[in-house]
Every structure is written in structure tokens, then in C-alpha cells.
Amino acid sequence: MKYQILNAPTVSNMPWQNAPAEKSDIPVWRYRENPIIGRNPVKNVARIFNSAVVPYQGSFIGVFRAERKDGIPMIYFGRSDDGIHWNFDEECIAFKDSEGNDFLPLYAYDPRLVCIDGTYYAIWCQDAYGAAIGMAKTTDFKTWTRLENPFLPFNRNAVLFPRKVNGKYLMLSRPSDSGHTPFGDIYLSESPDLEYWGHHRHVMGRSEEWWESVKIGAGAAPIETSEGWLVFYHGVTGTCNGFVYSIGGAILDRDMPSKVKYRCNTFLLTPEEWYEERGFVPNVCFPCATIHDAETGRIAIYYGCADSYVSLAFTTLDQIVDYIKEHSVVRTSDSEEGKR
């Protein structure tokens, strides 16, 4: 391989499907049996979407945004042997506080899941007198302990890095407002202990490109590569019929991830298939996770579709890094440290 995935395991059984014979000029292709999770997937749940998965003990586990039939989104736990066919618990995850008492959020949505030094952290958006970030940790997926909320409202789309950088935990997020947020840039924050967060840095903002001209937000956990931190994020544009969410890609500096090395000026995936265009919220491709294999460079992208389904797309490290570099447009606000 031309590039290498660093500090990540080999996942030889990861979901994979070769690119179709008629290749697109963008090296990202959809799983031909999408969506992998349809409507009414479990008792009392209408839709699962915008969810995150990781490999675990030879199979796969995940935390899932489940829109219940009472209209309240909560986080559910799922298991899979192949990363495609999923079984879900019938009840939402029973989060506890540090003393073992029940501590459920009022609602929770758009989770991410990251393993750092053998501990698994779920990060999601919830109510904390306004939209804010919630966190919990587990080592066995039987007991989940809630941590302190890292930021004040209003904030969404928080994603932890899979290891410390310069001795600090790092998190991407998007400060926002209390509504549907017609603006938003990606910021980086650091913490010595996952409790106190500071040294906030601007990473990158919306651009002049039509597909990300309204706002952007972090998606899957960054993938550490020999070229930098590979980030799949969502970009949003406005149309006469509402927002459209597409998937973009960028590469951040390994030692100072608030600096953008390369940023693709085209989308990598935009709503084109029926399950992306038609649903509870139409025209949404929303990345939340990847499974990647360090040996082959294969990458599977899990993304929510139209707030109704979960789907898969594929790429390889060499192809996607080359494409991002070849189509890169980095602005001054991207390339600087992000401190003013």
C-alpha cells in the first residue's frame, strides 16, 4: 500500500464488497444490498439511523440511534457477526452514574463509539437544558457509566480521537444553536482527564462549495494514517426544499489536528439512491463510523440515510487519500492553528 493505517488492528472479517465494474470518478461505492437496517427493526422502535459500530472480539458491536414509536430518540445496543446483519436489545442502554444509580438522558441521538486503551466511549447529543454532548464508558458492554458532559449547550456532533495526542484526549465538535442550526464549524478541544475540556481550536468551517455551504460537522472517528488523521464529515447545503447532507473528506495534521493538510472540494457521497433521498428527513447521507483494516487498507463507512435507515459504503485508504489530495482546497482558516 502507498499509505498506512496506524495504531489500528487488522479486521480480516470486516464487511466488504468490491467496487462495481462501472466505477465512479469518486472512489467511494455503496453496498449493493443497502440499506442494511430497515424500518421497525425492533419492538417499539420505528427507525434506526446515524449510528456507530466497532469490531469487538472477532465480531462487531454498536450503539444505535433508535427513534422510538413514542417519538423519543434513545441509544440502543446491537451485535453482529458480520457487521451487516444486526440484533438489537429490546430496551435502550441503561446508563448509570458513577455510584451505580440509573441515569438516563431525557433523549439521546447520533452516537459515536470509540475505543481508547481498552475502554469504550459512547458520545452522543442529548438535552442538558439545551442540545449538548453526553458521554459514557464501558469495558464489558454490560454496564455503562455516564461521565460529565464535556461542553455547555449548544453543541452537537462530538467525536473522540481513538488515542491521546501529545498526552491529551481530543474531541471534535460543532458549537451550534438550539434549533436546526443554519450555521456551524468544526472545533477541536482537549482534556487531560475526559472531564475538564479546554484549549478549543477552530479546525475548519463551511466553504464556498455548494454541498457544504451552510454548515459542516464531524462524522466518523478520525482514522490515523501515515498521511495524517483521515476524517469523514458531513456537509450541508440549503435548497428550496430544505437541507441536503453529503459526506466529505479531509486529512488533519497528526501532531496538531486543528490544522487541515488536505480538504476535498467535492463530496464523497451525496443523496442519490432511494433510501438516501426518501425517508423521514429526505436527502441525508450522515457518516457516524468506519471499520477499517490496517493490513489491506479497506474502509467501510457506516452512514445514516434520510433519518430512516443505516447503509454501508466502501473505499480503500490509497484511493481515498489520493482523491482527497488531488481535489484539495485548503483555506487560510483551515491551515492555521485555529487559535485567535
Protein backbone atom coordinates (compact mmCIF):
# COMPACT_ATOMS: atom_id res chain seq x y z
CA MET A 1 0.00 0.00 0.00
CA LYS A 2 1.07 3.58 -0.66
CA TYR A 3 -0.23 4.79 2.73
CA GLN A 4 -0.61 3.03 6.07
CA ILE A 5 -3.34 2.91 8.73
CA LEU A 6 -1.61 3.39 12.08
CA ASN A 7 -2.39 2.21 15.62
CA ALA A 8 -5.35 0.16 14.46
CA PRO A 9 -5.96 -3.61 14.38
CA THR A 10 -6.31 -5.99 11.50
CA VAL A 11 -10.00 -6.70 10.90
CA SER A 12 -9.90 -9.51 8.35
CA ASN A 13 -13.63 -10.25 8.66
CA MET A 14 -14.80 -6.67 8.15
CA PRO A 15 -17.74 -6.14 5.80
CA TRP A 16 -16.54 -5.65 2.25
CA GLN A 17 -17.75 -5.59 -1.32
CA ASN A 18 -15.58 -4.85 -4.32
CA ALA A 19 -16.29 -1.80 -6.43
CA PRO A 20 -18.76 -2.28 -9.28
CA ALA A 21 -17.42 -2.81 -12.80
CA GLU A 22 -18.59 0.65 -13.84
CA LYS A 23 -16.52 2.72 -11.44
CA SER A 24 -17.38 6.27 -10.46
CA ASP A 25 -14.79 9.00 -10.69
CA ILE A 26 -15.11 9.25 -6.89
CA PRO A 27 -13.58 6.14 -5.22
CA VAL A 28 -16.45 5.54 -2.77
CA TRP A 29 -19.08 2.95 -3.64
CA ARG A 30 -22.27 1.80 -1.95
CA TYR A 31 -23.04 -1.70 -0.69
CA ARG A 32 -25.34 -3.11 -3.34
CA GLU A 33 -27.73 -4.57 -0.74
CA ASN A 34 -28.27 -1.27 1.10
CA PRO A 35 -29.86 -0.39 3.43
CA ILE A 36 -28.52 -2.84 5.99
CA ILE A 37 -31.02 -1.75 8.68
CA GLY A 38 -34.59 -1.07 7.63
CA ARG A 39 -37.63 0.39 9.38
CA ASN A 40 -39.22 -1.07 12.53
CA PRO A 41 -36.09 -3.09 13.37
CA VAL A 42 -37.02 -3.94 16.97
CA LYS A 43 -40.02 -3.76 19.26
CA ASN A 44 -41.20 -0.18 19.92
CA VAL A 45 -38.59 1.29 17.55
CA ALA A 46 -39.67 2.89 14.27
CA ARG A 47 -36.27 3.73 12.74
CA ILE A 48 -32.57 3.24 13.39
CA PHE A 49 -30.08 5.59 11.70
CA ASN A 50 -26.99 7.77 12.43
CA SER A 51 -25.28 5.02 14.45
CA ALA A 52 -21.76 3.81 15.23
CA VAL A 53 -20.07 0.40 15.26
CA VAL A 54 -16.66 -1.07 16.17
CA PRO A 55 -15.02 -4.50 15.89
CA TYR A 56 -15.08 -6.48 19.12
CA GLN A 57 -13.72 -9.95 19.94
CA GLY A 58 -13.93 -11.23 16.39
CA SER A 59 -17.38 -9.81 15.69
CA PHE A 60 -18.97 -6.35 15.84
CA ILE A 61 -20.94 -4.27 18.32
CA GLY A 62 -22.59 -0.88 18.02
CA VAL A 63 -24.54 1.93 19.62
CA PHE A 64 -27.57 2.94 17.62
CA ARG A 65 -29.83 5.95 17.35
CA ALA A 66 -33.24 4.39 17.75
CA GLU A 67 -36.21 6.64 17.11
CA ARG A 68 -38.85 5.04 19.31
CA LYS A 69 -42.54 4.89 18.47
CA ASP A 70 -43.23 7.49 21.17
CA GLY A 71 -41.03 9.88 19.15
CA ILE A 72 -38.17 9.98 21.67
CA PRO A 73 -34.69 9.01 20.38
CA MET A 74 -32.54 6.86 22.66
CA ILE A 75 -29.35 4.81 22.36
CA TYR A 76 -29.72 1.07 21.83
CA PHE A 77 -27.07 -1.65 21.80
CA GLY A 78 -26.57 -4.07 18.90
CA ARG A 79 -24.44 -7.07 17.97
CA SER A 80 -23.44 -8.57 14.64
CA ASP A 81 -21.28 -11.43 13.39
CA ASP A 82 -20.58 -9.79 10.03
CA GLY A 83 -21.16 -6.05 10.54
CA ILE A 84 -24.19 -6.19 8.21
CA HIS A 85 -26.92 -8.23 9.91
CA TRP A 86 -27.71 -6.85 13.36
CA ASN A 87 -29.53 -7.98 16.51
CA PHE A 88 -30.65 -5.33 18.98
CA ASP A 89 -31.54 -5.29 22.64
CA GLU A 90 -35.25 -4.58 23.11
CA GLU A 91 -34.56 -1.84 25.68
CA CYS A 92 -32.31 1.19 25.45
CA ILE A 93 -28.93 1.18 27.16
CA ALA A 94 -29.37 1.54 30.94
CA PHE A 95 -26.81 4.23 31.69
CA LYS A 96 -25.69 4.60 35.33
CA ASP A 97 -23.96 7.37 37.25
CA SER A 98 -20.61 6.85 38.99
CA GLU A 99 -22.40 5.44 42.06
CA GLY A 100 -24.40 2.89 40.07
CA ASN A 101 -27.72 4.74 40.08
CA ASP A 102 -29.91 4.92 36.98
CA PHE A 103 -29.01 8.00 34.94
CA LEU A 104 -30.81 8.02 31.61
CA PRO A 105 -30.74 11.12 29.42
CA LEU A 106 -34.09 12.69 28.54
CA TYR A 107 -33.26 11.84 24.95
CA ALA A 108 -30.10 10.86 23.09
CA TYR A 109 -29.20 10.71 19.43
CA ASP A 110 -26.41 10.44 16.81
CA PRO A 111 -23.98 8.36 18.91
CA ARG A 112 -20.35 7.66 18.11
CA LEU A 113 -18.29 4.85 19.64
CA VAL A 114 -14.51 4.90 20.19
CA CYS A 115 -12.08 2.58 21.94
CA ILE A 116 -9.20 4.22 23.82
CA ASP A 117 -6.74 2.00 25.70
CA GLY A 118 -9.28 -0.82 26.15
CA THR A 119 -12.16 1.37 27.33
CA TYR A 120 -15.09 2.07 25.01
CA TYR A 121 -16.63 5.53 25.00
CA ALA A 122 -20.02 6.43 23.58
CA ILE A 123 -20.60 10.09 22.71
CA TRP A 124 -23.98 11.46 21.69
CA CYS A 125 -26.19 14.56 21.61
CA GLN A 126 -28.69 14.99 24.44
CA ASP A 127 -30.60 17.56 26.45
CA ALA A 128 -28.65 19.47 29.10
CA TYR A 129 -31.03 22.43 29.25
CA GLY A 130 -30.36 22.67 25.52
CA ALA A 131 -28.65 20.45 22.96
CA ALA A 132 -25.34 19.29 24.43
CA ILE A 133 -22.89 16.40 24.40
CA GLY A 134 -23.34 13.31 26.57
CA MET A 135 -20.72 10.64 27.26
CA ALA A 136 -20.49 7.22 28.85
CA LYS A 137 -17.88 4.50 29.14
CA THR A 138 -17.79 0.71 29.41
CA THR A 139 -15.27 -2.11 29.37
CA ASP A 140 -17.70 -5.02 29.05
CA PHE A 141 -20.84 -3.61 27.33
CA LYS A 142 -22.87 -4.79 30.30
CA THR A 143 -22.54 -1.69 32.49
CA TRP A 144 -22.29 1.84 31.11
CA THR A 145 -21.18 4.70 33.38
CA ARG A 146 -22.12 8.24 32.38
CA LEU A 147 -19.39 10.86 32.51
CA GLU A 148 -19.71 14.59 32.99
CA ASN A 149 -20.98 16.46 29.94
CA PRO A 150 -17.89 17.94 28.28
CA PHE A 151 -19.41 21.18 26.97
CA LEU A 152 -22.15 23.70 27.64
CA PRO A 153 -25.13 23.91 25.29
CA PHE A 154 -25.38 24.33 22.44
CA ASN A 155 -23.19 21.71 20.81
CA ARG A 156 -23.55 18.65 18.59
CA ASN A 157 -21.58 16.12 16.53
CA ALA A 158 -18.90 15.27 19.09
CA VAL A 159 -16.29 12.68 18.14
CA LEU A 160 -13.34 11.45 20.24
CA PHE A 161 -9.98 10.67 18.70
CA PRO A 162 -9.00 6.99 19.20
CA ARG A 163 -5.84 7.85 21.15
CA LYS A 164 -4.29 10.68 23.10
CA VAL A 165 -2.28 13.23 21.14
CA ASN A 166 0.57 14.98 22.99
CA GLY A 167 -0.75 13.40 26.20
CA LYS A 168 -4.29 14.82 25.87
CA TYR A 169 -7.65 13.40 24.88
CA LEU A 170 -9.03 15.18 21.83
CA MET A 171 -12.60 15.73 20.70
CA LEU A 172 -14.13 17.28 17.61
CA SER A 173 -17.48 19.03 17.98
CA ARG A 174 -19.71 21.64 16.38
CA PRO A 175 -20.96 24.53 18.52
CA SER A 176 -24.46 25.36 17.37
CA ASP A 177 -27.76 26.83 18.49
CA SER A 178 -31.00 25.48 19.91
CA GLY A 179 -32.67 24.80 16.58
CA HIS A 180 -31.80 23.22 13.27
CA THR A 181 -28.62 25.27 13.19
CA PRO A 182 -28.26 27.16 9.90
CA PHE A 183 -24.51 27.52 10.59
CA GLY A 184 -21.68 25.56 12.14
CA ASP A 185 -17.93 24.88 12.01
CA ILE A 186 -15.84 22.01 13.39
CA TYR A 187 -13.76 22.72 16.51
CA LEU A 188 -11.15 20.71 18.42
CA SER A 189 -10.97 20.57 22.24
CA GLU A 190 -8.53 18.81 24.54
CA SER A 191 -8.72 17.31 28.02
CA PRO A 192 -6.26 15.74 30.47
CA ASP A 193 -8.93 13.51 32.02
CA LEU A 194 -12.14 13.44 29.89
CA GLU A 195 -13.76 15.72 32.45
CA TYR A 196 -12.26 19.19 32.04
CA TRP A 197 -12.10 20.46 28.47
CA GLY A 198 -10.35 23.49 27.06
CA HIS A 199 -7.78 24.83 24.57
CA HIS A 200 -10.56 25.00 21.99
CA ARG A 201 -9.32 25.39 18.42
CA HIS A 202 -11.11 26.05 15.16
CA VAL A 203 -10.47 23.24 12.67
CA MET A 204 -12.47 24.12 9.57
CA GLY A 205 -15.63 25.90 8.55
CA ARG A 206 -18.25 25.72 5.87
CA SER A 207 -16.94 26.57 2.44
CA GLU A 208 -17.98 28.12 -0.85
CA GLU A 209 -18.59 24.66 -2.30
CA TRP A 210 -22.36 24.27 -2.76
CA TRP A 211 -22.60 20.94 -0.93
CA GLU A 212 -21.16 22.31 2.35
CA SER A 213 -22.13 25.97 2.14
CA VAL A 214 -24.46 26.02 5.18
CA LYS A 215 -22.63 24.02 7.88
CA ILE A 216 -20.35 21.05 8.49
CA GLY A 217 -19.98 18.54 11.32
CA ALA A 218 -17.65 15.75 12.37
CA GLY A 219 -18.71 12.25 11.41
CA ALA A 220 -16.77 9.04 11.99
CA ALA A 221 -13.90 8.87 14.49
CA PRO A 222 -10.67 10.03 12.82
CA ILE A 223 -8.52 7.30 11.29
CA GLU A 224 -4.80 7.71 11.99
CA THR A 225 -2.77 7.24 8.81
CA SER A 226 0.79 7.87 7.67
CA GLU A 227 -0.53 10.97 5.87
CA GLY A 228 -2.46 12.38 8.86
CA TRP A 229 -5.86 11.95 10.51
CA LEU A 230 -8.40 10.91 7.86
CA VAL A 231 -11.79 12.43 8.68
CA PHE A 232 -15.15 11.71 7.06
CA TYR A 233 -17.55 14.52 7.90
CA HIS A 234 -20.94 15.80 6.77
CA GLY A 235 -21.51 18.94 4.77
CA VAL A 236 -24.89 20.63 4.42
CA THR A 237 -26.36 22.80 1.71
CA GLY A 238 -29.71 24.56 1.52
CA THR A 239 -32.21 24.11 -1.29
CA CYS A 240 -35.73 25.34 -1.98
CA ASN A 241 -36.85 22.01 -0.48
CA GLY A 242 -34.72 22.00 2.65
CA PHE A 243 -31.24 20.87 3.72
CA VAL A 244 -29.18 18.25 1.87
CA TYR A 245 -26.50 16.30 3.80
CA SER A 246 -23.47 14.91 1.94
CA ILE A 247 -20.28 13.16 3.05
CA GLY A 248 -16.94 14.94 2.70
CA GLY A 249 -13.33 14.09 3.49
CA ALA A 250 -10.29 15.83 4.94
CA ILE A 251 -6.87 14.98 6.37
CA LEU A 252 -5.69 16.68 9.57
CA ASP A 253 -2.15 17.09 10.83
CA ARG A 254 -1.16 14.15 13.06
CA ASP A 255 0.54 16.24 15.76
CA MET A 256 -1.69 19.33 15.56
CA PRO A 257 -5.10 18.13 14.34
CA SER A 258 -6.57 21.63 14.39
CA LYS A 259 -4.56 22.20 11.19
CA VAL A 260 -6.02 20.84 7.96
CA LYS A 261 -3.48 19.40 5.49
CA TYR A 262 -5.93 18.44 2.74
CA ARG A 263 -9.64 19.05 2.26
CA CYS A 264 -11.61 17.64 -0.63
CA ASN A 265 -13.59 20.26 -2.53
CA THR A 266 -16.08 17.68 -3.87
CA PHE A 267 -18.42 15.50 -1.86
CA LEU A 268 -17.53 11.83 -1.50
CA LEU A 269 -21.17 10.69 -1.31
CA THR A 270 -24.39 12.65 -1.78
CA PRO A 271 -28.04 11.52 -1.73
CA GLU A 272 -28.78 9.68 -4.97
CA GLU A 273 -30.37 6.36 -4.01
CA TRP A 274 -33.99 5.96 -2.88
CA TYR A 275 -33.04 5.18 0.72
CA GLU A 276 -30.99 8.41 0.89
CA GLU A 277 -33.48 10.63 -0.88
CA ARG A 278 -36.73 9.30 0.59
CA GLY A 279 -37.45 8.96 4.29
CA PHE A 280 -38.45 10.72 7.48
CA VAL A 281 -35.96 13.50 6.68
CA PRO A 282 -35.17 13.28 2.95
CA ASN A 283 -31.80 13.81 1.27
CA VAL A 284 -29.41 12.81 4.06
CA CYS A 285 -26.11 10.91 3.99
CA PHE A 286 -24.71 11.18 7.54
CA PRO A 287 -21.45 9.33 8.42
CA CYS A 288 -21.01 8.11 12.00
CA ALA A 289 -18.45 5.30 11.92
CA THR A 290 -15.90 3.35 9.95
CA ILE A 291 -14.47 -0.13 10.23
CA HIS A 292 -11.00 -0.25 8.73
CA ASP A 293 -8.40 -2.96 8.27
CA ALA A 294 -4.78 -1.95 8.81
CA GLU A 295 -3.45 -4.81 6.69
CA THR A 296 -5.42 -4.24 3.48
CA GLY A 297 -6.37 -0.57 3.84
CA ARG A 298 -10.03 -1.38 3.32
CA ILE A 299 -12.52 1.07 4.85
CA ALA A 300 -16.25 0.51 5.41
CA ILE A 301 -18.25 3.68 6.12
CA TYR A 302 -21.48 3.40 8.11
CA TYR A 303 -23.88 6.22 7.41
CA GLY A 304 -27.43 7.17 8.24
CA CYS A 305 -29.86 7.68 5.37
CA ALA A 306 -32.83 10.06 5.34
CA ASP A 307 -33.21 9.65 9.14
CA SER A 308 -34.72 6.24 8.37
CA TYR A 309 -32.01 3.67 7.55
CA VAL A 310 -28.38 2.61 8.04
CA SER A 311 -26.26 1.90 4.99
CA LEU A 312 -22.70 0.98 4.07
CA ALA A 313 -20.20 2.42 1.61
CA PHE A 314 -16.65 1.31 0.85
CA THR A 315 -13.30 2.72 -0.17
CA THR A 316 -9.60 1.97 0.29
CA LEU A 317 -7.03 4.08 2.06
CA ASP A 318 -4.83 4.59 -1.01
CA GLN A 319 -7.73 5.57 -3.24
CA ILE A 320 -9.42 7.96 -0.84
CA VAL A 321 -6.24 9.71 0.31
CA ASP A 322 -5.11 10.21 -3.28
CA TYR A 323 -8.54 11.53 -4.24
CA ILE A 324 -8.67 13.99 -1.32
CA LYS A 325 -5.15 15.25 -2.09
CA GLU A 326 -5.84 15.59 -5.81
CA HIS A 327 -9.02 17.61 -5.16
CA SER A 328 -7.81 19.53 -2.13
CA VAL A 329 -8.61 23.18 -1.49
CA VAL A 330 -7.30 24.37 1.87
CA ARG A 331 -8.25 27.84 3.04
CA THR A 332 -6.32 30.06 5.44
CA SER A 333 -8.77 29.38 8.27
CA ASP A 334 -8.23 25.64 7.69
CA SER A 335 -4.44 25.59 7.64
CA GLU A 336 -3.79 27.82 10.66
CA GLU A 337 -3.65 26.53 14.23
CA GLY A 338 -7.19 27.74 14.92
CA LYS A 339 -6.25 29.98 17.85
CA ARG A 340 -7.17 33.67 17.80
